[in-house]
Amino acid sequence: MINIEYYLIVSTIMMFAGVYGFFTRRNLLAILISVELILNSVDINFAVFNRFLFPGQLEGFFFAMFAIGVSAAETAVAIAIIINIYRNLRNIQVRNMNEMKG
């Protein structure tokens, strides 16, 4: 059986990669992918802590499934917004978003 530390190491690496990507990327799609990495690391934590703390129950897995559903809805809305921005500006770089103000 794999120890909890290994799962938490993978989750931590995913979290920091997502936070790094969120703060350093200038492309809206790259930022969206970084947010998805952060949410997936949280889902791993839900499943791992449920497995090791309450092995006979499924609350952590249900939280993870709910979070995945919310993440899918968030992604669909974000991509629709990005497509609308691209139609107006022909660019999805963050530095060009000042043109939308007004």
Protein backbone atom coordinates (compact mmCIF):
# COMPACT_ATOMS: atom_id res chain seq x y z
CA MET A 1 0.00 0.00 0.00
CA ILE A 2 1.25 3.47 -0.87
CA ASN A 3 1.82 5.86 2.04
CA ILE A 4 -0.19 9.08 2.36
CA GLU A 5 2.97 11.16 2.04
CA TYR A 6 3.46 10.19 -1.61
CA TYR A 7 -0.05 11.29 -2.53
CA LEU A 8 0.45 14.55 -0.67
CA ILE A 9 3.76 15.17 -2.42
CA VAL A 10 2.11 14.75 -5.83
CA SER A 11 -0.76 17.00 -4.74
CA THR A 12 1.64 19.64 -3.44
CA ILE A 13 3.66 19.64 -6.66
CA MET A 14 0.44 20.05 -8.66
CA MET A 15 -0.69 22.88 -6.38
CA PHE A 16 2.56 24.81 -6.66
CA ALA A 17 2.75 24.25 -10.42
CA GLY A 18 -0.78 25.66 -10.70
CA VAL A 19 -0.04 28.67 -8.51
CA TYR A 20 3.20 29.36 -10.39
CA GLY A 21 1.42 29.10 -13.73
CA PHE A 22 -1.40 31.33 -12.55
CA PHE A 23 0.93 34.14 -11.55
CA THR A 24 3.43 33.89 -14.40
CA ARG A 25 1.34 33.18 -17.51
CA ARG A 26 -0.10 35.93 -19.67
CA ASN A 27 -2.38 33.77 -21.82
CA LEU A 28 -5.93 33.25 -20.57
CA LEU A 29 -5.98 29.58 -21.56
CA ALA A 30 -2.72 28.91 -19.69
CA ILE A 31 -4.19 30.62 -16.63
CA LEU A 32 -7.30 28.44 -16.92
CA ILE A 33 -5.14 25.31 -17.09
CA SER A 34 -3.29 26.47 -13.98
CA VAL A 35 -6.56 26.91 -12.10
CA GLU A 36 -7.54 23.39 -13.16
CA LEU A 37 -4.27 22.06 -11.76
CA ILE A 38 -5.04 23.71 -8.44
CA LEU A 39 -8.54 22.24 -8.36
CA ASN A 40 -7.26 18.76 -9.26
CA SER A 41 -4.75 18.88 -6.42
CA VAL A 42 -7.61 19.65 -4.05
CA ASP A 43 -9.55 16.69 -5.45
CA ILE A 44 -6.59 14.41 -4.78
CA ASN A 45 -6.50 15.65 -1.20
CA PHE A 46 -10.21 14.95 -0.74
CA ALA A 47 -9.83 11.39 -1.97
CA VAL A 48 -6.61 10.66 -0.07
CA PHE A 49 -7.75 11.98 3.27
CA ASN A 50 -11.02 10.10 2.93
CA ARG A 51 -9.16 6.89 2.09
CA PHE A 52 -6.75 7.10 4.99
CA LEU A 53 -8.93 8.69 7.69
CA PHE A 54 -12.31 7.09 6.96
CA PRO A 55 -11.64 4.03 4.78
CA GLY A 56 -15.19 2.67 4.88
CA GLN A 57 -16.96 5.90 3.95
CA LEU A 58 -17.21 7.81 0.69
CA GLU A 59 -17.66 11.46 1.71
CA GLY A 60 -14.27 12.53 0.36
CA PHE A 61 -14.96 10.87 -2.97
CA PHE A 62 -18.34 12.57 -3.21
CA PHE A 63 -16.71 15.93 -2.44
CA ALA A 64 -14.15 15.20 -5.16
CA MET A 65 -16.89 14.30 -7.66
CA PHE A 66 -18.80 17.47 -6.78
CA ALA A 67 -15.62 19.54 -7.18
CA ILE A 68 -14.95 17.93 -10.57
CA GLY A 69 -18.49 18.84 -11.67
CA VAL A 70 -18.04 22.42 -10.51
CA SER A 71 -14.67 22.53 -12.25
CA ALA A 72 -16.20 21.32 -15.51
CA ALA A 73 -18.91 24.00 -15.32
CA GLU A 74 -16.33 26.65 -14.48
CA THR A 75 -14.20 25.58 -17.42
CA ALA A 76 -17.14 25.73 -19.84
CA VAL A 77 -18.05 29.25 -18.71
CA ALA A 78 -14.43 30.41 -18.79
CA ILE A 79 -13.88 29.07 -22.31
CA ALA A 80 -17.08 30.80 -23.47
CA ILE A 81 -15.79 34.07 -22.02
CA ILE A 82 -12.37 33.56 -23.62
CA ILE A 83 -13.99 32.90 -27.00
CA ASN A 84 -16.04 36.09 -26.65
CA ILE A 85 -12.92 38.07 -25.77
CA TYR A 86 -11.11 36.59 -28.77
CA ARG A 87 -13.96 37.57 -31.09
CA ASN A 88 -13.75 41.17 -29.90
CA LEU A 89 -9.99 41.65 -29.56
CA ARG A 90 -8.49 38.87 -31.74
CA ASN A 91 -6.13 38.16 -28.85
CA ILE A 92 -6.35 36.39 -25.48
CA GLN A 93 -3.33 37.91 -23.78
CA VAL A 94 -4.01 39.36 -20.33
CA ARG A 95 -2.17 42.62 -21.01
CA ASN A 96 -4.68 43.46 -23.76
CA MET A 97 -7.70 43.25 -21.48
CA ASN A 98 -7.51 47.00 -20.76
CA GLU A 99 -9.10 47.55 -24.19
CA MET A 100 -12.31 45.96 -22.86
CA LYS A 101 -12.81 48.68 -20.21
CA GLY A 102 -14.43 51.02 -22.35
